[in-house]
Amino acid sequence: MDAIDDGFADAELPHRWKAAIAWADVVIGADTDGSGASAVTAEFTAAELAELTLTVAVAQGFSKAAIAWGPAPDLPTMTIPTPGS
């Protein structure tokens, strides 16, 4: 996880992974220098780019929904004993 923080470009990750992270920044609006689009087009096919874009967008949507809905309420714990021999 430390390798994909804001300094991922200098991390010891494969170029393809760095391109995917850069594209995720583009999709979520965190691409500050515009380098994400050029990195990803050289590395991924159109179909792969579509799948990557959808995956990032759905993950971001679920993240925003989880924040908006708040934590799950405390649910009672049910304990079922294992049968004895």
PDB file of N, CA and C in Angstrom:
ATOM      1  N   MET A   1       0.820  -1.194   0.000  1.00  0.00           N
ATOM      2  CA  MET A   1       0.000   0.000   0.000  1.00  0.00           C
ATOM      3  C   MET A   1       0.861   1.254   0.000  1.00  0.00           C
ATOM      4  N   ASP A   2       2.017   1.183   0.636  1.00  0.00           N
ATOM      5  CA  ASP A   2       2.885   2.356   0.670  1.00  0.00           C
ATOM      6  C   ASP A   2       3.351   2.743  -0.731  1.00  0.00           C
ATOM      7  N   ALA A   3       3.388   1.785  -1.646  1.00  0.00           N
ATOM      8  CA  ALA A   3       3.886   2.041  -2.999  1.00  0.00           C
ATOM      9  C   ALA A   3       2.881   2.765  -3.878  1.00  0.00           C
ATOM     10  N   ILE A   4       1.622   2.870  -3.452  1.00  0.00           N
ATOM     11  CA  ILE A   4       0.627   3.524  -4.308  1.00  0.00           C
ATOM     12  C   ILE A   4       0.109   4.827  -3.725  1.00  0.00           C
ATOM     13  N   ASP A   5       0.890   5.436  -2.834  1.00  0.00           N
ATOM     14  CA  ASP A   5       0.483   6.739  -2.319  1.00  0.00           C
ATOM     15  C   ASP A   5       0.755   7.802  -3.379  1.00  0.00           C
ATOM     16  N   ASP A   6       0.762   9.046  -2.994  1.00  0.00           N
ATOM     17  CA  ASP A   6       0.926  10.124  -3.968  1.00  0.00           C
ATOM     18  C   ASP A   6       2.262  10.096  -4.695  1.00  0.00           C
ATOM     19  N   GLY A   7       3.244   9.348  -4.204  1.00  0.00           N
ATOM     20  CA  GLY A   7       4.539   9.256  -4.870  1.00  0.00           C
ATOM     21  C   GLY A   7       4.700   7.970  -5.667  1.00  0.00           C
ATOM     22  N   PHE A   8       3.606   7.430  -6.170  1.00  0.00           N
ATOM     23  CA  PHE A   8       3.671   6.136  -6.858  1.00  0.00           C
ATOM     24  C   PHE A   8       4.546   6.155  -8.098  1.00  0.00           C
ATOM     25  N   ALA A   9       4.711   7.296  -8.723  1.00  0.00           N
ATOM     26  CA  ALA A   9       5.506   7.371  -9.950  1.00  0.00           C
ATOM     27  C   ALA A   9       6.967   7.002  -9.703  1.00  0.00           C
ATOM     28  N   ASP A  10       7.425   7.203  -8.485  1.00  0.00           N
ATOM     29  CA  ASP A  10       8.807   6.876  -8.141  1.00  0.00           C
ATOM     30  C   ASP A  10       8.929   5.525  -7.452  1.00  0.00           C
ATOM     31  N   ALA A  11       7.819   4.848  -7.239  1.00  0.00           N
ATOM     32  CA  ALA A  11       7.826   3.563  -6.540  1.00  0.00           C
ATOM     33  C   ALA A  11       8.341   2.449  -7.444  1.00  0.00           C
ATOM     34  N   GLU A  12       8.725   1.359  -6.822  1.00  0.00           N
ATOM     35  CA  GLU A  12       9.205   0.195  -7.573  1.00  0.00           C
ATOM     36  C   GLU A  12       8.020  -0.677  -7.980  1.00  0.00           C
ATOM     37  N   LEU A  13       7.234  -0.162  -8.894  1.00  0.00           N
ATOM     38  CA  LEU A  13       6.079  -0.869  -9.430  1.00  0.00           C
ATOM     39  C   LEU A  13       6.274  -1.033 -10.933  1.00  0.00           C
ATOM     40  N   PRO A  14       5.672  -2.073 -11.524  1.00  0.00           N
ATOM     41  CA  PRO A  14       5.728  -2.197 -12.984  1.00  0.00           C
ATOM     42  C   PRO A  14       5.087  -0.980 -13.658  1.00  0.00           C
ATOM     43  N   HIS A  15       5.577  -0.640 -14.838  1.00  0.00           N
ATOM     44  CA  HIS A  15       5.069   0.532 -15.563  1.00  0.00           C
ATOM     45  C   HIS A  15       3.565   0.431 -15.793  1.00  0.00           C
ATOM     46  N   ARG A  16       3.078  -0.759 -16.076  1.00  0.00           N
ATOM     47  CA  ARG A  16       1.646  -0.964 -16.329  1.00  0.00           C
ATOM     48  C   ARG A  16       0.826  -0.604 -15.088  1.00  0.00           C
ATOM     49  N   TRP A  17       1.304  -0.970 -13.907  1.00  0.00           N
ATOM     50  CA  TRP A  17       0.600  -0.650 -12.670  1.00  0.00           C
ATOM     51  C   TRP A  17       0.599   0.854 -12.447  1.00  0.00           C
ATOM     52  N   LYS A  18       1.721   1.492 -12.715  1.00  0.00           N
ATOM     53  CA  LYS A  18       1.808   2.945 -12.549  1.00  0.00           C
ATOM     54  C   LYS A  18       0.836   3.644 -13.499  1.00  0.00           C
ATOM     55  N   ALA A  19       0.717   3.127 -14.719  1.00  0.00           N
ATOM     56  CA  ALA A  19      -0.223   3.708 -15.677  1.00  0.00           C
ATOM     57  C   ALA A  19      -1.657   3.549 -15.186  1.00  0.00           C
ATOM     58  N   ALA A  20      -1.981   2.396 -14.603  1.00  0.00           N
ATOM     59  CA  ALA A  20      -3.330   2.163 -14.081  1.00  0.00           C
ATOM     60  C   ALA A  20      -3.641   3.112 -12.925  1.00  0.00           C
ATOM     61  N   ILE A  21      -2.670   3.323 -12.040  1.00  0.00           N
ATOM     62  CA  ILE A  21      -2.877   4.244 -10.917  1.00  0.00           C
ATOM     63  C   ILE A  21      -3.039   5.668 -11.431  1.00  0.00           C
ATOM     64  N   ALA A  22      -2.221   6.034 -12.424  1.00  0.00           N
ATOM     65  CA  ALA A  22      -2.336   7.374 -13.009  1.00  0.00           C
ATOM     66  C   ALA A  22      -3.715   7.565 -13.630  1.00  0.00           C
ATOM     67  N   TRP A  23      -4.231   6.526 -14.291  1.00  0.00           N
ATOM     68  CA  TRP A  23      -5.563   6.628 -14.893  1.00  0.00           C
ATOM     69  C   TRP A  23      -6.640   6.727 -13.818  1.00  0.00           C
ATOM     70  N   ALA A  24      -6.479   5.995 -12.722  1.00  0.00           N
ATOM     71  CA  ALA A  24      -7.436   6.102 -11.622  1.00  0.00           C
ATOM     72  C   ALA A  24      -7.485   7.544 -11.124  1.00  0.00           C
ATOM     73  N   ASP A  25      -6.333   8.193 -11.062  1.00  0.00           N
ATOM     74  CA  ASP A  25      -6.311   9.610 -10.675  1.00  0.00           C
ATOM     75  C   ASP A  25      -7.089  10.472 -11.661  1.00  0.00           C
ATOM     76  N   VAL A  26      -6.996  10.147 -12.945  1.00  0.00           N
ATOM     77  CA  VAL A  26      -7.757  10.896 -13.957  1.00  0.00           C
ATOM     78  C   VAL A  26      -9.254  10.710 -13.721  1.00  0.00           C
ATOM     79  N   VAL A  27      -9.671   9.466 -13.516  1.00  0.00           N
ATOM     80  CA  VAL A  27     -11.094   9.157 -13.360  1.00  0.00           C
ATOM     81  C   VAL A  27     -11.680   9.835 -12.121  1.00  0.00           C
ATOM     82  N   ILE A  28     -10.931   9.851 -11.022  1.00  0.00           N
ATOM     83  CA  ILE A  28     -11.474  10.437  -9.785  1.00  0.00           C
ATOM     84  C   ILE A  28     -11.228  11.935  -9.684  1.00  0.00           C
ATOM     85  N   GLY A  29     -10.557  12.492 -10.680  1.00  0.00           N
ATOM     86  CA  GLY A  29     -10.339  13.937 -10.698  1.00  0.00           C
ATOM     87  C   GLY A  29      -9.127  14.398  -9.921  1.00  0.00           C
ATOM     88  N   ALA A  30      -8.196  13.491  -9.655  1.00  0.00           N
ATOM     89  CA  ALA A  30      -7.008  13.851  -8.875  1.00  0.00           C
ATOM     90  C   ALA A  30      -5.763  14.024  -9.748  1.00  0.00           C
ATOM     91  N   ASP A  31      -5.920  13.953 -11.058  1.00  0.00           N
ATOM     92  CA  ASP A  31      -4.780  14.104 -11.972  1.00  0.00           C
ATOM     93  C   ASP A  31      -4.475  15.595 -12.104  1.00  0.00           C
ATOM     94  N   THR A  32      -3.426  16.039 -11.457  1.00  0.00           N
ATOM     95  CA  THR A  32      -3.143  17.472 -11.415  1.00  0.00           C
ATOM     96  C   THR A  32      -2.293  17.975 -12.569  1.00  0.00           C
ATOM     97  N   ASP A  33      -1.548  17.069 -13.209  1.00  0.00           N
ATOM     98  CA  ASP A  33      -0.660  17.546 -14.277  1.00  0.00           C
ATOM     99  C   ASP A  33      -1.024  17.029 -15.659  1.00  0.00           C
ATOM    100  N   GLY A  34      -2.084  16.245 -15.786  1.00  0.00           N
ATOM    101  CA  GLY A  34      -2.532  15.757 -17.088  1.00  0.00           C
ATOM    102  C   GLY A  34      -1.711  14.625 -17.660  1.00  0.00           C
ATOM    103  N   SER A  35      -0.854  14.019 -16.853  1.00  0.00           N
ATOM    104  CA  SER A  35       0.003  12.955 -17.368  1.00  0.00           C
ATOM    105  C   SER A  35      -0.681  11.594 -17.401  1.00  0.00           C
ATOM    106  N   GLY A  36      -1.764  11.432 -16.694  1.00  0.00           N
ATOM    107  CA  GLY A  36      -2.430  10.137 -16.600  1.00  0.00           C
ATOM    108  C   GLY A  36      -2.955   9.620 -17.914  1.00  0.00           C
ATOM    109  N   ALA A  37      -3.520  10.488 -18.725  1.00  0.00           N
ATOM    110  CA  ALA A  37      -4.112  10.056 -19.993  1.00  0.00           C
ATOM    111  C   ALA A  37      -3.054   9.550 -20.956  1.00  0.00           C
ATOM    112  N   SER A  38      -1.928  10.217 -21.044  1.00  0.00           N
ATOM    113  CA  SER A  38      -0.900   9.780 -21.985  1.00  0.00           C
ATOM    114  C   SER A  38      -0.250   8.477 -21.534  1.00  0.00           C
ATOM    115  N   ALA A  39      -0.107   8.279 -20.246  1.00  0.00           N
ATOM    116  CA  ALA A  39       0.512   7.053 -19.740  1.00  0.00           C
ATOM    117  C   ALA A  39      -0.352   5.831 -20.016  1.00  0.00           C
ATOM    118  N   VAL A  40      -1.657   5.991 -19.902  1.00  0.00           N
ATOM    119  CA  VAL A  40      -2.541   4.838 -20.018  1.00  0.00           C
ATOM    120  C   VAL A  40      -2.792   4.430 -21.467  1.00  0.00           C
ATOM    121  N   THR A  41      -2.839   5.370 -22.373  1.00  0.00           N
ATOM    122  CA  THR A  41      -3.134   5.013 -23.765  1.00  0.00           C
ATOM    123  C   THR A  41      -2.015   4.196 -24.398  1.00  0.00           C
ATOM    124  N   ALA A  42      -0.804   4.367 -23.943  1.00  0.00           N
ATOM    125  CA  ALA A  42       0.313   3.582 -24.477  1.00  0.00           C
ATOM    126  C   ALA A  42       0.364   2.182 -23.873  1.00  0.00           C
ATOM    127  N   GLU A  43      -0.296   1.984 -22.756  1.00  0.00           N
ATOM    128  CA  GLU A  43      -0.169   0.730 -22.017  1.00  0.00           C
ATOM    129  C   GLU A  43      -1.374  -0.201 -22.146  1.00  0.00           C
ATOM    130  N   PHE A  44      -2.579   0.348 -22.356  1.00  0.00           N
ATOM    131  CA  PHE A  44      -3.797  -0.452 -22.346  1.00  0.00           C
ATOM    132  C   PHE A  44      -4.544  -0.355 -23.666  1.00  0.00           C
ATOM    133  N   THR A  45      -5.228  -1.447 -24.035  1.00  0.00           N
ATOM    134  CA  THR A  45      -6.100  -1.426 -25.209  1.00  0.00           C
ATOM    135  C   THR A  45      -7.373  -0.656 -24.860  1.00  0.00           C
ATOM    136  N   ALA A  46      -8.178  -0.369 -25.857  1.00  0.00           N
ATOM    137  CA  ALA A  46      -9.431   0.357 -25.623  1.00  0.00           C
ATOM    138  C   ALA A  46     -10.352  -0.437 -24.688  1.00  0.00           C
ATOM    139  N   ALA A  47     -10.420  -1.753 -24.882  1.00  0.00           N
ATOM    140  CA  ALA A  47     -11.268  -2.586 -24.027  1.00  0.00           C
ATOM    141  C   ALA A  47     -10.751  -2.604 -22.590  1.00  0.00           C
ATOM    142  N   GLU A  48      -9.438  -2.719 -22.421  1.00  0.00           N
ATOM    143  CA  GLU A  48      -8.863  -2.702 -21.075  1.00  0.00           C
ATOM    144  C   GLU A  48      -9.083  -1.352 -20.401  1.00  0.00           C
ATOM    145  N   LEU A  49      -8.968  -0.290 -21.169  1.00  0.00           N
ATOM    146  CA  LEU A  49      -9.179   1.051 -20.637  1.00  0.00           C
ATOM    147  C   LEU A  49     -10.630   1.235 -20.190  1.00  0.00           C
ATOM    148  N   ALA A  50     -11.559   0.700 -20.961  1.00  0.00           N
ATOM    149  CA  ALA A  50     -12.974   0.787 -20.582  1.00  0.00           C
ATOM    150  C   ALA A  50     -13.224   0.021 -19.281  1.00  0.00           C
ATOM    151  N   GLU A  51     -12.644  -1.172 -19.169  1.00  0.00           N
ATOM    152  CA  GLU A  51     -12.822  -1.969 -17.952  1.00  0.00           C
ATOM    153  C   GLU A  51     -12.182  -1.281 -16.740  1.00  0.00           C
ATOM    154  N   LEU A  52     -11.006  -0.745 -16.926  1.00  0.00           N
ATOM    155  CA  LEU A  52     -10.318  -0.036 -15.846  1.00  0.00           C
ATOM    156  C   LEU A  52     -11.116   1.187 -15.401  1.00  0.00           C
ATOM    157  N   THR A  53     -11.622   1.936 -16.374  1.00  0.00           N
ATOM    158  CA  THR A  53     -12.413   3.131 -16.062  1.00  0.00           C
ATOM    159  C   THR A  53     -13.670   2.764 -15.278  1.00  0.00           C
ATOM    160  N   LEU A  54     -14.371   1.739 -15.722  1.00  0.00           N
ATOM    161  CA  LEU A  54     -15.585   1.311 -15.034  1.00  0.00           C
ATOM    162  C   LEU A  54     -15.279   0.819 -13.625  1.00  0.00           C
ATOM    163  N   THR A  55     -14.206   0.065 -13.474  1.00  0.00           N
ATOM    164  CA  THR A  55     -13.833  -0.451 -12.156  1.00  0.00           C
ATOM    165  C   THR A  55     -13.537   0.687 -11.179  1.00  0.00           C
ATOM    166  N   VAL A  56     -12.760   1.664 -11.635  1.00  0.00           N
ATOM    167  CA  VAL A  56     -12.431   2.807 -10.770  1.00  0.00           C
ATOM    168  C   VAL A  56     -13.688   3.600 -10.434  1.00  0.00           C
ATOM    169  N   ALA A  57     -14.543   3.838 -11.415  1.00  0.00           N
ATOM    170  CA  ALA A  57     -15.761   4.621 -11.188  1.00  0.00           C
ATOM    171  C   ALA A  57     -16.707   3.917 -10.216  1.00  0.00           C
ATOM    172  N   VAL A  58     -16.867   2.613 -10.355  1.00  0.00           N
ATOM    173  CA  VAL A  58     -17.737   1.859  -9.448  1.00  0.00           C
ATOM    174  C   VAL A  58     -17.156   1.861  -8.036  1.00  0.00           C
ATOM    175  N   ALA A  59     -15.845   1.649  -7.912  1.00  0.00           N
ATOM    176  CA  ALA A  59     -15.214   1.668  -6.592  1.00  0.00           C
ATOM    177  C   ALA A  59     -15.384   3.023  -5.929  1.00  0.00           C
ATOM    178  N   GLN A  60     -15.217   4.085  -6.693  1.00  0.00           N
ATOM    179  CA  GLN A  60     -15.395   5.421  -6.129  1.00  0.00           C
ATOM    180  C   GLN A  60     -16.854   5.644  -5.728  1.00  0.00           C
ATOM    181  N   GLY A  61     -17.775   5.162  -6.533  1.00  0.00           N
ATOM    182  CA  GLY A  61     -19.195   5.289  -6.204  1.00  0.00           C
ATOM    183  C   GLY A  61     -19.547   4.577  -4.910  1.00  0.00           C
ATOM    184  N   PHE A  62     -19.054   3.345  -4.741  1.00  0.00           N
ATOM    185  CA  PHE A  62     -19.309   2.610  -3.504  1.00  0.00           C
ATOM    186  C   PHE A  62     -18.669   3.311  -2.311  1.00  0.00           C
ATOM    187  N   SER A  63     -17.490   3.863  -2.509  1.00  0.00           N
ATOM    188  CA  SER A  63     -16.817   4.587  -1.436  1.00  0.00           C
ATOM    189  C   SER A  63     -17.633   5.798  -1.000  1.00  0.00           C
ATOM    190  N   LYS A  64     -18.121   6.553  -1.970  1.00  0.00           N
ATOM    191  CA  LYS A  64     -18.936   7.731  -1.651  1.00  0.00           C
ATOM    192  C   LYS A  64     -20.256   7.324  -0.988  1.00  0.00           C
ATOM    193  N   ALA A  65     -20.854   6.233  -1.450  1.00  0.00           N
ATOM    194  CA  ALA A  65     -22.102   5.757  -0.850  1.00  0.00           C
ATOM    195  C   ALA A  65     -21.867   5.328   0.596  1.00  0.00           C
ATOM    196  N   ALA A  66     -20.769   4.627   0.852  1.00  0.00           N
ATOM    197  CA  ALA A  66     -20.473   4.183   2.214  1.00  0.00           C
ATOM    198  C   ALA A  66     -20.298   5.369   3.147  1.00  0.00           C
ATOM    199  N   ILE A  67     -19.675   6.412   2.658  1.00  0.00           N
ATOM    200  CA  ILE A  67     -19.507   7.612   3.479  1.00  0.00           C
ATOM    201  C   ILE A  67     -20.854   8.296   3.704  1.00  0.00           C
ATOM    202  N   ALA A  68     -21.654   8.395   2.662  1.00  0.00           N
ATOM    203  CA  ALA A  68     -22.949   9.065   2.773  1.00  0.00           C
ATOM    204  C   ALA A  68     -23.910   8.309   3.687  1.00  0.00           C
ATOM    205  N   TRP A  69     -23.910   6.981   3.606  1.00  0.00           N
ATOM    206  CA  TRP A  69     -24.827   6.177   4.407  1.00  0.00           C
ATOM    207  C   TRP A  69     -24.353   5.991   5.839  1.00  0.00           C
ATOM    208  N   GLY A  70     -23.075   6.187   6.069  1.00  0.00           N
ATOM    209  CA  GLY A  70     -22.529   6.007   7.418  1.00  0.00           C
ATOM    210  C   GLY A  70     -22.265   4.545   7.717  1.00  0.00           C
ATOM    211  N   PRO A  71     -21.733   4.298   8.901  1.00  0.00           N
ATOM    212  CA  PRO A  71     -21.403   2.915   9.264  1.00  0.00           C
ATOM    213  C   PRO A  71     -22.658   2.080   9.485  1.00  0.00           C
ATOM    214  N   ALA A  72     -22.502   0.797   9.332  1.00  0.00           N
ATOM    215  CA  ALA A  72     -23.616  -0.121   9.565  1.00  0.00           C
ATOM    216  C   ALA A  72     -23.999  -0.097  11.040  1.00  0.00           C
ATOM    217  N   PRO A  73     -25.276  -0.259  11.335  1.00  0.00           N
ATOM    218  CA  PRO A  73     -25.681  -0.285  12.749  1.00  0.00           C
ATOM    219  C   PRO A  73     -25.120  -1.535  13.429  1.00  0.00           C
ATOM    220  N   ASP A  74     -24.975  -1.438  14.727  1.00  0.00           N
ATOM    221  CA  ASP A  74     -24.514  -2.615  15.471  1.00  0.00           C
ATOM    222  C   ASP A  74     -25.559  -3.709  15.354  1.00  0.00           C
ATOM    223  N   LEU A  75     -25.116  -4.854  14.934  1.00  0.00           N
ATOM    224  CA  LEU A  75     -26.012  -5.993  14.804  1.00  0.00           C
ATOM    225  C   LEU A  75     -25.686  -6.991  15.901  1.00  0.00           C
ATOM    226  N   PRO A  76     -26.694  -7.643  16.430  1.00  0.00           N
ATOM    227  CA  PRO A  76     -26.409  -8.638  17.471  1.00  0.00           C
ATOM    228  C   PRO A  76     -25.611  -9.804  16.885  1.00  0.00           C
ATOM    229  N   THR A  77     -24.751 -10.343  17.686  1.00  0.00           N
ATOM    230  CA  THR A  77     -23.938 -11.480  17.270  1.00  0.00           C
ATOM    231  C   THR A  77     -24.628 -12.757  17.682  1.00  0.00           C
ATOM    232  N   MET A  78     -24.760 -13.671  16.727  1.00  0.00           N
ATOM    233  CA  MET A  78     -25.388 -14.944  17.034  1.00  0.00           C
ATOM    234  C   MET A  78     -24.303 -16.000  17.131  1.00  0.00           C
ATOM    235  N   THR A  79     -24.254 -16.704  18.210  1.00  0.00           N
ATOM    236  CA  THR A  79     -23.248 -17.735  18.402  1.00  0.00           C
ATOM    237  C   THR A  79     -23.904 -19.093  18.263  1.00  0.00           C
ATOM    238  N   ILE A  80     -23.353 -19.900  17.398  1.00  0.00           N
ATOM    239  CA  ILE A  80     -23.850 -21.260  17.209  1.00  0.00           C
ATOM    240  C   ILE A  80     -22.728 -22.196  17.617  1.00  0.00           C
ATOM    241  N   PRO A  81     -22.932 -22.957  18.693  1.00  0.00           N
ATOM    242  CA  PRO A  81     -21.869 -23.851  19.153  1.00  0.00           C
ATOM    243  C   PRO A  81     -21.662 -25.001  18.179  1.00  0.00           C
ATOM    244  N   THR A  82     -20.414 -25.418  18.084  1.00  0.00           N
ATOM    245  CA  THR A  82     -20.126 -26.593  17.250  1.00  0.00           C
ATOM    246  C   THR A  82     -20.524 -27.837  18.022  1.00  0.00           C
ATOM    247  N   PRO A  83     -21.023 -28.827  17.313  1.00  0.00           N
ATOM    248  CA  PRO A  83     -21.435 -30.048  17.994  1.00  0.00           C
ATOM    249  C   PRO A  83     -20.251 -30.725  18.672  1.00  0.00           C
ATOM    250  N   GLY A  84     -20.469 -31.212  19.861  1.00  0.00           N
ATOM    251  CA  GLY A  84     -19.432 -31.947  20.600  1.00  0.00           C
ATOM    252  C   GLY A  84     -19.375 -33.387  20.141  1.00  0.00           C
ATOM    253  N   SER A  85     -18.282 -34.036  20.447  1.00  0.00           N
ATOM    254  CA  SER A  85     -18.181 -35.441  20.017  1.00  0.00           C
ATOM    255  C   SER A  85     -18.618 -36.372  21.114  1.00  0.00           C
TER     256      SER A  85
END
